[in-house]
Amino acid sequence: QVQLVESGGGLVQAGGSLRLSCAASGRTFSTYIIGWFRQAPGKERDFVAGISRAGVRTYYTDSEKDRFAISRDNAKNTVYLQMNSLKPEDTAVYYCAASGSSWSRQWLSDEFDYWGQGTQVTVSS
């Protein structure tokens, strides 16, 4: 099992940046692929970015790939999401999630076994 704790959310003006962190417990962190998802009020939870076990391979939705960057430091059991040029529509609760699969083709929520509690990101206009 792995437990995940997100941090780094907050209030930022449009055009600003935030770096989210996802800290994991357990000695098997490097065996999980990690995804970042977000959920805005009244909307479904959507995939944002994903990273492979070793951090070599990443995947983004088209709308985020030029603004967000996912990375991981397995020595620190932490995954990061650097978010730049933030827009009001980025406002949501951001979650990290872990899957024991070697990779994901669709990055669907139900592929992920472990979830953090989420961190709120609010972007003001």
Foldseek 3Di string as FASTA:
>chain_A
DKAWAKDWADEEAAQAKIKMKIAIDDDCLLLWKKWKWWDAPPGDIGTAKIAFSVRPDIDGDPVQPVFWDWGDDSVRRMIMIIGGRDDQVVWTWMKMFIANDRDDDPPDPVRTDYIHPTDTHGYHD
